[in-house]
N, C-alpha and C. Protein backbone atom coordinates (compact mmCIF):
# COMPACT_ATOMS: atom_id res chain seq x y z
N UNK A 1 60.67 -34.02 -30.69
CA UNK A 1 59.93 -33.87 -29.39
C UNK A 1 58.56 -32.50 -29.96
N UNK A 2 57.33 -33.14 -29.87
CA UNK A 2 56.72 -31.96 -30.19
C UNK A 2 56.45 -31.18 -29.36
N UNK A 3 56.30 -29.78 -29.56
CA UNK A 3 56.75 -28.36 -28.78
C UNK A 3 55.44 -27.22 -29.44
N UNK A 4 55.94 -26.04 -28.65
CA UNK A 4 54.96 -25.11 -29.12
C UNK A 4 55.49 -24.73 -30.11
N UNK A 5 56.42 -25.08 -30.96
CA UNK A 5 56.87 -24.62 -32.81
C UNK A 5 56.09 -25.79 -33.65
N UNK A 6 55.93 -26.89 -33.26
CA UNK A 6 54.97 -27.51 -33.54
C UNK A 6 53.57 -27.61 -34.40
N UNK A 7 53.33 -26.84 -33.49
CA UNK A 7 51.41 -25.80 -33.76
C UNK A 7 51.67 -24.92 -34.70
N UNK A 8 50.73 -25.08 -35.80
CA UNK A 8 50.72 -23.78 -36.60
C UNK A 8 49.56 -23.16 -36.24
N UNK A 9 49.24 -22.12 -36.67
CA UNK A 9 48.22 -21.39 -36.27
C UNK A 9 46.63 -21.99 -36.91
N UNK A 10 47.00 -22.68 -38.15
CA UNK A 10 45.59 -23.41 -38.60
C UNK A 10 45.60 -24.48 -37.41
N UNK A 11 46.07 -24.94 -36.82
CA UNK A 11 45.80 -26.22 -36.00
C UNK A 11 46.52 -27.67 -36.31
N UNK A 12 47.30 -27.13 -37.51
CA UNK A 12 48.37 -27.86 -38.51
C UNK A 12 49.22 -28.31 -37.85
N UNK A 13 50.23 -29.48 -37.69
CA UNK A 13 51.20 -29.58 -37.32
C UNK A 13 51.99 -28.75 -38.36
N UNK A 14 53.00 -28.31 -37.47
CA UNK A 14 54.57 -28.16 -38.63
C UNK A 14 55.54 -28.71 -38.41
N UNK A 15 56.34 -29.28 -39.53
CA UNK A 15 57.19 -30.38 -39.28
C UNK A 15 58.54 -28.99 -38.66
N UNK A 16 58.56 -27.89 -39.23
CA UNK A 16 59.57 -27.07 -38.77
C UNK A 16 60.27 -26.96 -37.72
N UNK A 17 59.28 -27.15 -36.99
CA UNK A 17 59.04 -26.55 -34.79
C UNK A 17 59.66 -27.80 -34.68
N UNK A 18 59.63 -28.75 -35.01
CA UNK A 18 60.05 -30.55 -34.63
C UNK A 18 61.84 -29.75 -33.66
N UNK A 19 61.78 -30.69 -32.17
CA UNK A 19 62.79 -30.30 -31.85
C UNK A 19 63.96 -31.72 -31.70
N UNK A 20 64.76 -32.00 -30.96
CA UNK A 20 65.28 -33.07 -30.54
C UNK A 20 65.37 -33.05 -29.64
N UNK A 21 65.62 -34.61 -28.71
CA UNK A 21 65.88 -34.56 -27.22
C UNK A 21 66.10 -36.68 -27.30
N UNK A 22 66.90 -36.39 -26.09
CA UNK A 22 67.34 -37.38 -25.63
C UNK A 22 67.54 -37.35 -23.85
N UNK A 23 66.83 -38.60 -22.88
CA UNK A 23 66.90 -38.41 -22.41
C UNK A 23 65.94 -39.30 -21.76
N UNK A 24 65.62 -39.24 -20.31
CA UNK A 24 64.56 -39.74 -19.64
C UNK A 24 63.38 -39.14 -19.45
N UNK A 25 62.11 -39.54 -20.18
CA UNK A 25 61.08 -39.59 -20.51
C UNK A 25 59.84 -40.05 -19.89
N UNK A 26 58.88 -39.34 -18.91
CA UNK A 26 57.42 -39.59 -18.15
C UNK A 26 56.70 -40.73 -19.49
N UNK A 27 56.09 -41.77 -18.97
CA UNK A 27 55.42 -42.43 -19.94
C UNK A 27 54.10 -41.41 -20.39
N UNK A 28 53.61 -40.38 -19.62
CA UNK A 28 52.97 -39.77 -20.10
C UNK A 28 52.80 -39.11 -21.58
N UNK A 29 54.12 -38.37 -21.37
CA UNK A 29 54.66 -37.51 -22.48
C UNK A 29 55.13 -38.21 -24.01
N UNK A 30 54.92 -39.30 -24.19
CA UNK A 30 55.21 -40.41 -25.03
C UNK A 30 54.33 -40.75 -26.27
N UNK A 31 54.08 -40.09 -27.32
CA UNK A 31 53.47 -40.21 -28.10
C UNK A 31 53.27 -41.39 -29.39
N UNK A 32 51.73 -42.04 -29.54
CA UNK A 32 52.37 -42.51 -31.05
C UNK A 32 51.50 -41.97 -31.91
N UNK A 33 51.26 -42.39 -33.37
CA UNK A 33 50.50 -41.67 -34.71
C UNK A 33 49.47 -41.77 -34.61
N UNK A 34 48.83 -40.42 -34.81
CA UNK A 34 47.50 -40.41 -34.69
C UNK A 34 47.22 -40.01 -33.25
N UNK A 35 48.43 -39.71 -32.23
CA UNK A 35 47.43 -39.32 -31.06
C UNK A 35 47.47 -37.85 -30.79
N UNK A 36 46.60 -37.32 -29.77
CA UNK A 36 46.11 -36.19 -30.04
C UNK A 36 46.36 -35.23 -28.99
N UNK A 37 47.15 -34.21 -29.96
CA UNK A 37 47.88 -33.23 -28.71
C UNK A 37 47.00 -31.66 -28.62
N UNK A 38 47.37 -31.29 -28.11
CA UNK A 38 46.59 -29.72 -27.93
C UNK A 38 47.64 -28.81 -27.01
N UNK A 39 48.13 -27.55 -28.05
CA UNK A 39 48.88 -26.69 -27.18
C UNK A 39 48.13 -26.02 -25.86
N UNK A 40 49.10 -25.65 -25.08
CA UNK A 40 48.47 -24.91 -23.88
C UNK A 40 49.35 -24.18 -23.19
N UNK A 41 49.99 -23.51 -23.80
CA UNK A 41 50.96 -22.53 -23.53
C UNK A 41 50.82 -21.77 -24.87
N UNK A 42 50.93 -20.26 -24.77
CA UNK A 42 51.48 -18.97 -25.61
C UNK A 42 52.28 -17.88 -25.34
N UNK A 43 52.90 -17.56 -25.89
CA UNK A 43 53.74 -16.36 -25.45
C UNK A 43 54.06 -15.43 -25.74
N UNK A 44 52.67 -14.74 -26.16
CA UNK A 44 52.14 -13.87 -27.02
C UNK A 44 50.49 -13.15 -26.84
N UNK A 45 50.80 -12.54 -26.25
CA UNK A 45 48.96 -11.88 -25.90
C UNK A 45 47.65 -12.42 -26.71
N UNK A 46 46.53 -12.71 -26.31
CA UNK A 46 45.68 -13.21 -27.29
C UNK A 46 45.17 -12.92 -28.18
N UNK A 47 45.57 -13.15 -28.82
CA UNK A 47 45.32 -12.74 -30.85
C UNK A 47 44.54 -13.63 -31.35
N UNK A 48 43.35 -13.49 -31.81
CA UNK A 48 42.78 -14.76 -32.77
C UNK A 48 43.03 -15.22 -34.02
N UNK A 49 43.68 -14.20 -34.44
CA UNK A 49 44.05 -15.00 -35.83
C UNK A 49 45.19 -15.20 -35.85
N UNK A 50 46.62 -15.44 -34.41
CA UNK A 50 47.49 -16.18 -34.43
C UNK A 50 47.89 -16.78 -33.48
N UNK A 51 46.96 -17.07 -32.69
CA UNK A 51 46.97 -17.57 -31.29
C UNK A 51 46.87 -19.19 -31.80
N UNK A 52 47.89 -19.76 -30.83
CA UNK A 52 48.00 -21.49 -31.05
C UNK A 52 47.24 -22.34 -29.96
N UNK A 53 47.20 -21.76 -29.02
CA UNK A 53 47.02 -21.77 -27.75
C UNK A 53 45.47 -22.45 -27.75
N UNK A 54 45.70 -23.82 -27.22
CA UNK A 54 44.21 -24.89 -27.56
C UNK A 54 44.11 -25.47 -29.03
N UNK A 55 44.58 -25.03 -29.94
CA UNK A 55 45.02 -25.72 -31.28
C UNK A 55 45.45 -27.37 -30.62
N UNK A 56 44.92 -28.03 -31.72
CA UNK A 56 45.30 -29.38 -31.77
C UNK A 56 45.64 -29.84 -32.92
N UNK A 57 46.25 -30.73 -33.18
CA UNK A 57 46.44 -32.19 -33.69
C UNK A 57 46.99 -33.32 -34.11
N UNK A 58 46.69 -34.09 -34.87
CA UNK A 58 46.66 -35.34 -34.72
C UNK A 58 48.44 -35.85 -34.82
N UNK A 59 49.24 -36.19 -34.24
CA UNK A 59 50.78 -36.55 -34.58
C UNK A 59 50.61 -37.27 -35.85
N UNK A 60 51.36 -37.15 -36.19
CA UNK A 60 51.07 -37.62 -38.55
C UNK A 60 52.33 -39.15 -37.74
N UNK A 61 52.23 -39.83 -38.72
CA UNK A 61 52.98 -41.04 -38.75
C UNK A 61 53.87 -41.43 -39.46
N UNK A 62 55.21 -40.16 -39.06
CA UNK A 62 55.88 -39.82 -40.13
C UNK A 62 57.36 -40.34 -39.37
N UNK A 63 57.39 -40.24 -38.49
CA UNK A 63 58.46 -41.11 -36.73
C UNK A 63 59.22 -41.92 -36.85
N UNK A 64 60.46 -42.04 -37.32
CA UNK A 64 61.25 -43.44 -36.97
C UNK A 64 61.37 -44.25 -35.47
N UNK A 65 62.05 -43.19 -34.55
CA UNK A 65 62.12 -43.09 -33.50
C UNK A 65 61.18 -43.19 -32.24
N UNK A 66 60.55 -42.46 -31.36
CA UNK A 66 60.05 -42.40 -30.43
C UNK A 66 59.89 -41.21 -30.51
N UNK A 67 58.43 -40.70 -30.14
CA UNK A 67 58.51 -39.12 -30.04
C UNK A 67 57.69 -38.94 -28.42
N UNK A 68 58.02 -37.58 -28.12
CA UNK A 68 57.33 -37.28 -27.08
C UNK A 68 57.08 -35.82 -27.30
N UNK A 69 56.59 -35.28 -26.27
CA UNK A 69 55.79 -33.87 -26.28
C UNK A 69 56.39 -32.87 -25.22
N UNK A 70 56.88 -31.74 -25.46
CA UNK A 70 57.25 -30.93 -23.87
C UNK A 70 56.14 -30.51 -23.46
N UNK A 71 56.34 -29.76 -22.25
CA UNK A 71 55.28 -29.57 -21.17
C UNK A 71 54.57 -28.82 -21.74
N UNK A 72 54.81 -27.88 -23.01
CA UNK A 72 53.87 -26.86 -23.47
C UNK A 72 52.47 -27.82 -24.18
N UNK A 73 52.94 -29.20 -24.14
CA UNK A 73 51.71 -30.01 -24.74
C UNK A 73 50.90 -30.78 -24.14
N UNK A 74 49.38 -30.79 -24.70
CA UNK A 74 48.74 -31.90 -23.46
C UNK A 74 48.28 -32.71 -24.55
N UNK A 75 48.66 -34.14 -24.00
CA UNK A 75 48.39 -35.41 -24.70
C UNK A 75 46.67 -35.77 -24.19
N UNK A 76 45.67 -35.83 -25.53
CA UNK A 76 44.45 -35.52 -25.16
C UNK A 76 44.14 -37.06 -25.02
N UNK A 77 43.74 -38.07 -24.10
CA UNK A 77 43.35 -39.04 -24.07
C UNK A 77 41.96 -39.49 -24.33
N UNK A 78 41.39 -40.58 -25.18
CA UNK A 78 39.88 -40.50 -24.78
C UNK A 78 39.87 -42.02 -24.82
N UNK A 79 38.62 -42.50 -24.30
CA UNK A 79 38.18 -44.10 -24.10
C UNK A 79 37.74 -44.62 -25.19
N UNK A 80 37.33 -43.40 -26.27
CA UNK A 80 36.70 -43.77 -27.32
C UNK A 80 37.61 -43.51 -28.65
N UNK A 81 38.55 -44.48 -29.79
CA UNK A 81 39.32 -44.11 -30.36
C UNK A 81 38.97 -42.48 -31.57
N UNK A 82 37.19 -43.41 -31.61
CA UNK A 82 37.04 -42.64 -32.92
C UNK A 82 36.96 -41.50 -32.06
N UNK A 83 36.29 -41.39 -31.10
CA UNK A 83 36.15 -39.62 -30.99
C UNK A 83 37.17 -38.87 -30.66
N UNK A 84 38.28 -39.14 -30.98
CA UNK A 84 39.83 -38.23 -31.07
C UNK A 84 39.84 -37.97 -32.24
N UNK A 85 39.32 -38.37 -33.29
CA UNK A 85 38.85 -37.64 -34.70
C UNK A 85 38.23 -36.42 -34.84
N UNK A 86 36.60 -36.86 -33.76
CA UNK A 86 36.25 -35.99 -33.87
C UNK A 86 36.54 -34.57 -32.64
N UNK A 87 37.15 -34.96 -31.87
CA UNK A 87 37.40 -33.57 -31.00
C UNK A 87 38.63 -33.61 -31.62
N UNK A 88 39.69 -33.56 -32.46
CA UNK A 88 40.44 -32.65 -33.22
C UNK A 88 39.89 -31.68 -34.09
N UNK A 89 38.96 -32.14 -34.91
CA UNK A 89 38.04 -31.44 -35.58
C UNK A 89 37.21 -29.43 -34.71
N UNK A 90 36.74 -30.56 -33.52
CA UNK A 90 36.67 -29.66 -33.11
C UNK A 90 37.36 -28.53 -32.54
N UNK A 91 38.25 -28.98 -31.73
CA UNK A 91 39.20 -28.21 -31.11
C UNK A 91 39.38 -26.85 -31.89
N UNK A 92 39.40 -27.16 -33.44
CA UNK A 92 40.87 -26.41 -34.20
C UNK A 92 39.12 -25.43 -35.07
N UNK A 93 38.18 -25.58 -34.20
CA UNK A 93 36.89 -24.37 -34.83
C UNK A 93 36.96 -22.85 -34.15
N UNK A 94 36.37 -22.24 -35.23
CA UNK A 94 36.74 -20.13 -34.32
C UNK A 94 35.76 -20.59 -32.80
N UNK A 95 34.85 -21.24 -33.00
CA UNK A 95 34.10 -21.45 -31.68
C UNK A 95 34.60 -21.52 -30.35
N UNK A 96 35.38 -22.95 -30.65
CA UNK A 96 35.91 -23.66 -29.55
C UNK A 96 37.14 -22.49 -28.90
N UNK A 97 37.67 -22.28 -30.29
CA UNK A 97 39.35 -21.58 -30.28
C UNK A 97 38.68 -20.21 -29.26
N UNK A 98 37.58 -19.71 -29.43
CA UNK A 98 37.29 -18.02 -28.45
C UNK A 98 37.00 -18.56 -27.06
N UNK A 99 36.29 -19.96 -26.85
CA UNK A 99 35.63 -19.87 -25.88
C UNK A 99 36.73 -20.40 -25.17
N UNK A 100 37.86 -20.95 -25.63
CA UNK A 100 38.89 -22.13 -24.71
C UNK A 100 39.98 -20.78 -24.41
N UNK A 101 40.08 -19.69 -25.05
CA UNK A 101 40.72 -18.62 -25.00
C UNK A 101 40.46 -17.79 -23.47
N UNK A 102 38.98 -18.31 -23.04
CA UNK A 102 38.80 -17.10 -21.50
C UNK A 102 38.75 -17.78 -20.07
N UNK A 103 39.73 -19.63 -20.74
CA UNK A 103 40.81 -20.63 -19.78
C UNK A 103 41.91 -20.05 -19.64
N UNK A 104 42.92 -19.00 -20.05
CA UNK A 104 43.85 -19.07 -20.51
C UNK A 104 43.97 -17.45 -19.11
N UNK A 105 45.15 -17.97 -18.61
CA UNK A 105 45.71 -16.74 -17.70
C UNK A 105 47.33 -16.76 -17.29
N UNK A 106 48.44 -15.35 -17.52
CA UNK A 106 49.33 -15.23 -16.68
C UNK A 106 49.37 -13.93 -17.86
N UNK A 107 50.78 -13.51 -17.32
CA UNK A 107 51.05 -12.35 -18.12
C UNK A 107 51.66 -11.97 -19.05
N UNK A 108 53.44 -13.07 -18.73
CA UNK A 108 53.71 -12.54 -20.86
C UNK A 108 54.05 -13.94 -21.26
N UNK A 109 53.35 -14.91 -20.16
CA UNK A 109 53.10 -16.65 -20.89
C UNK A 109 52.34 -16.53 -20.55
N UNK A 110 50.94 -16.96 -21.28
CA UNK A 110 49.39 -17.86 -21.06
C UNK A 110 49.98 -19.60 -21.18
N UNK A 111 48.81 -19.50 -20.10
CA UNK A 111 48.98 -20.99 -19.49
C UNK A 111 46.94 -21.55 -19.89
N UNK A 112 47.02 -22.69 -20.35
CA UNK A 112 45.51 -23.15 -20.62
C UNK A 112 45.05 -23.54 -19.16
N UNK A 113 44.58 -23.17 -18.91
CA UNK A 113 43.19 -23.81 -17.54
C UNK A 113 42.90 -24.40 -18.45
N UNK A 114 43.00 -26.35 -18.08
CA UNK A 114 42.39 -27.12 -18.67
C UNK A 114 41.07 -27.65 -18.42
N UNK A 115 40.80 -26.97 -17.25
CA UNK A 115 39.10 -27.47 -16.67
C UNK A 115 38.30 -26.90 -17.82
N UNK A 116 38.91 -25.80 -18.74
CA UNK A 116 37.86 -24.86 -19.46
C UNK A 116 37.52 -26.21 -20.52
N UNK A 117 38.90 -27.07 -20.97
CA UNK A 117 38.70 -27.58 -22.27
C UNK A 117 37.80 -29.16 -21.03
N UNK A 118 37.72 -29.14 -20.02
CA UNK A 118 37.35 -30.47 -19.63
C UNK A 118 35.74 -30.07 -19.37
N UNK A 119 35.76 -29.42 -19.10
CA UNK A 119 34.23 -28.60 -18.89
C UNK A 119 33.29 -28.28 -20.31
N UNK A 120 34.13 -28.29 -20.97
CA UNK A 120 33.28 -27.52 -22.49
C UNK A 120 32.07 -28.72 -23.07
N UNK A 121 31.09 -28.17 -23.48
CA UNK A 121 30.06 -29.12 -23.44
C UNK A 121 29.20 -29.05 -25.13
N UNK A 122 29.38 -29.98 -25.78
CA UNK A 122 29.04 -30.25 -27.09
C UNK A 122 28.06 -30.69 -27.51
N UNK A 123 27.99 -31.27 -28.20
CA UNK A 123 26.60 -32.43 -28.80
C UNK A 123 27.88 -33.16 -29.55
N UNK A 124 27.59 -34.85 -29.01
CA UNK A 124 28.23 -35.98 -29.59
C UNK A 124 27.35 -36.28 -30.71
N UNK A 125 28.06 -36.97 -31.55
CA UNK A 125 27.22 -37.35 -32.87
C UNK A 125 27.41 -38.93 -31.97
N UNK A 126 26.14 -39.63 -32.37
CA UNK A 126 26.15 -40.88 -31.94
C UNK A 126 27.46 -41.92 -33.07
N UNK A 127 27.11 -42.83 -32.22
CA UNK A 127 28.47 -44.14 -32.81
C UNK A 127 27.81 -44.57 -34.31
N UNK A 128 27.26 -44.77 -34.85
CA UNK A 128 26.82 -44.97 -36.02
C UNK A 128 27.13 -43.26 -37.10
N UNK A 129 27.04 -42.73 -36.30
CA UNK A 129 28.18 -41.70 -37.32
C UNK A 129 29.39 -41.43 -37.08
N UNK A 130 30.18 -41.38 -35.95
CA UNK A 130 31.24 -41.02 -35.43
C UNK A 130 32.09 -42.11 -36.06
N UNK A 131 31.94 -43.18 -36.20
CA UNK A 131 33.26 -44.41 -36.53
C UNK A 131 33.13 -44.27 -38.03
N UNK A 132 32.44 -44.24 -38.25
CA UNK A 132 32.62 -44.13 -40.08
C UNK A 132 33.25 -42.50 -40.48
N UNK A 133 32.79 -41.61 -39.50
CA UNK A 133 33.89 -40.67 -39.65
C UNK A 133 35.28 -40.60 -39.53
N UNK A 134 35.70 -41.27 -38.21
CA UNK A 134 36.76 -41.46 -37.69
C UNK A 134 37.48 -42.67 -39.03
N UNK A 135 36.84 -43.44 -39.27
CA UNK A 135 37.68 -44.17 -40.57
C UNK A 135 37.95 -43.27 -41.72
N UNK A 136 37.32 -42.52 -41.75
CA UNK A 136 37.48 -41.44 -43.06
C UNK A 136 39.23 -40.34 -42.53
N UNK A 137 38.66 -39.59 -41.44
CA UNK A 137 39.69 -38.80 -40.96
C UNK A 137 40.46 -39.28 -40.91
N UNK A 138 41.10 -40.72 -40.61
CA UNK A 138 41.81 -41.74 -40.37
C UNK A 138 42.76 -42.11 -41.69
N UNK A 139 42.14 -42.12 -42.47
CA UNK A 139 42.68 -42.25 -43.91
C UNK A 139 43.11 -41.54 -44.28
N UNK A 140 42.50 -40.17 -44.39
CA UNK A 140 42.88 -38.55 -45.03
C UNK A 140 44.55 -38.26 -43.77
N UNK A 141 44.65 -38.41 -42.45
CA UNK A 141 45.44 -38.63 -41.49
C UNK A 141 46.80 -39.07 -42.33
N UNK A 142 46.36 -40.63 -42.39
CA UNK A 142 47.18 -41.59 -43.18
C UNK A 142 48.08 -40.40 -44.46
N UNK A 143 47.36 -40.32 -45.38
CA UNK A 143 47.66 -39.61 -46.52
C UNK A 143 48.26 -38.10 -46.56
N UNK A 144 48.15 -38.14 -45.30
CA UNK A 144 48.89 -36.74 -45.08
C UNK A 144 50.07 -37.05 -44.71
N UNK A 145 50.37 -38.04 -43.65
CA UNK A 145 51.87 -38.80 -43.66
C UNK A 145 52.67 -38.93 -44.51
N UNK A 146 51.86 -39.48 -45.49
CA UNK A 146 52.83 -39.50 -46.77
C UNK A 146 53.33 -38.84 -47.11
N UNK A 147 52.02 -37.72 -47.43
CA UNK A 147 52.65 -36.47 -47.97
C UNK A 147 53.68 -35.62 -47.81
N UNK A 148 53.78 -35.61 -46.17
CA UNK A 148 54.98 -35.03 -45.26
C UNK A 148 55.76 -35.31 -45.64
N UNK A 149 56.35 -37.06 -45.55
CA UNK A 149 57.18 -37.81 -45.56
C UNK A 149 58.13 -37.63 -47.09
N UNK A 150 57.71 -37.67 -48.35
CA UNK A 150 57.19 -37.46 -49.45
C UNK A 150 58.29 -35.62 -49.57
N UNK A 151 57.39 -34.74 -49.00
CA UNK A 151 58.23 -33.72 -49.05
C UNK A 151 59.08 -33.33 -48.66
N UNK A 152 59.69 -34.20 -46.97
CA UNK A 152 60.81 -34.16 -46.40
C UNK A 152 61.63 -34.62 -47.29
N UNK A 153 61.51 -36.03 -47.92
CA UNK A 153 62.51 -36.23 -48.98
C UNK A 153 63.15 -35.87 -50.46
N UNK A 154 61.89 -34.58 -50.92
CA UNK A 154 61.98 -34.40 -52.41
C UNK A 154 63.03 -33.08 -51.52
N UNK A 155 62.55 -32.00 -50.22
CA UNK A 155 63.52 -31.04 -49.59
C UNK A 155 65.19 -31.61 -49.54
N UNK A 156 65.19 -32.81 -49.05
CA UNK A 156 66.51 -33.11 -48.92
C UNK A 156 67.40 -33.51 -50.32
N UNK A 157 66.55 -33.76 -50.98
CA UNK A 157 66.92 -33.65 -52.30
C UNK A 157 67.36 -32.84 -52.87
N UNK A 158 66.31 -31.45 -52.58
CA UNK A 158 66.77 -30.36 -53.38
C UNK A 158 68.06 -29.90 -52.75
N UNK A 159 68.26 -29.68 -51.62
CA UNK A 159 69.21 -28.85 -51.06
C UNK A 159 70.46 -29.99 -51.23
N UNK A 160 70.71 -31.31 -51.44
CA UNK A 160 71.26 -31.99 -52.39
C UNK A 160 72.17 -31.65 -53.29
N UNK A 161 71.24 -31.08 -54.25
CA UNK A 161 71.18 -31.23 -55.71
C UNK A 161 71.72 -29.62 -56.20
N UNK A 162 71.18 -28.90 -55.52
CA UNK A 162 70.94 -27.21 -55.33
C UNK A 162 72.28 -26.95 -55.62
N UNK A 163 73.07 -26.72 -54.53
CA UNK A 163 74.31 -26.73 -54.02
C UNK A 163 75.35 -27.44 -55.80
N UNK A 164 75.50 -27.91 -56.28
CA UNK A 164 75.77 -28.62 -57.38
C UNK A 164 75.79 -28.24 -58.52
N UNK A 165 74.43 -27.84 -58.15
CA UNK A 165 73.86 -27.56 -59.43
C UNK A 165 74.15 -25.60 -59.70
N UNK A 166 74.56 -25.04 -58.64
CA UNK A 166 75.20 -23.47 -58.77
C UNK A 166 76.96 -23.61 -58.68
N UNK A 167 77.06 -24.75 -58.85
CA UNK A 167 78.97 -24.68 -58.66
C UNK A 167 79.11 -25.35 -59.94
N UNK A 168 77.81 -26.22 -60.48
CA UNK A 168 78.19 -26.60 -62.17
C UNK A 168 79.16 -28.05 -61.60
N UNK A 169 78.86 -28.78 -60.95
CA UNK A 169 79.31 -30.17 -60.50
C UNK A 169 77.92 -30.94 -61.38
N UNK A 170 77.12 -30.50 -61.40
CA UNK A 170 75.32 -30.97 -61.78
C UNK A 170 75.06 -30.31 -63.00
N UNK A 171 74.59 -30.99 -64.15
CA UNK A 171 74.27 -29.91 -65.20
C UNK A 171 72.90 -31.02 -65.50
N UNK A 172 71.81 -30.26 -65.86
CA UNK A 172 70.12 -30.34 -66.54
C UNK A 172 70.26 -30.52 -68.18
N UNK A 173 70.01 -31.40 -68.55
CA UNK A 173 70.21 -30.75 -70.36
C UNK A 173 68.66 -30.83 -70.66
């Protein structure tokens, strides 16, 4: 389950924040590889250096089962698939982040009033620019997914080997 802890301050996916969930899930909460998601909640006061509210990432293609989002995550659906790669970059700019902070309310837990995102005005590149950009960014996201998978495998191997090295069961020559 993609949740608050899945968002890094940089706007990247944080694998350490992944949680597991079993049960019935609304169709609107089901995600696919490269779904665009945005954090809509924050549990601290607004601080531009460590805010995650309004940050977005594309769900990496690393999961074998179904992936869902918590209620702290908004799945951004677009009519043009090329547009989500542009929006992903736009949503993680400092300018957008400071703008969207004005649409947060709450005392201890801040919630994003999503009309601020929906009413945001931005120049849109023409399709002849947007489509090649989307192809380029998708190839980068695919490579990032491969690196995440490889890192997970290497971490598991390290965690399996290290105790054996420490107690002398295995030696390196």
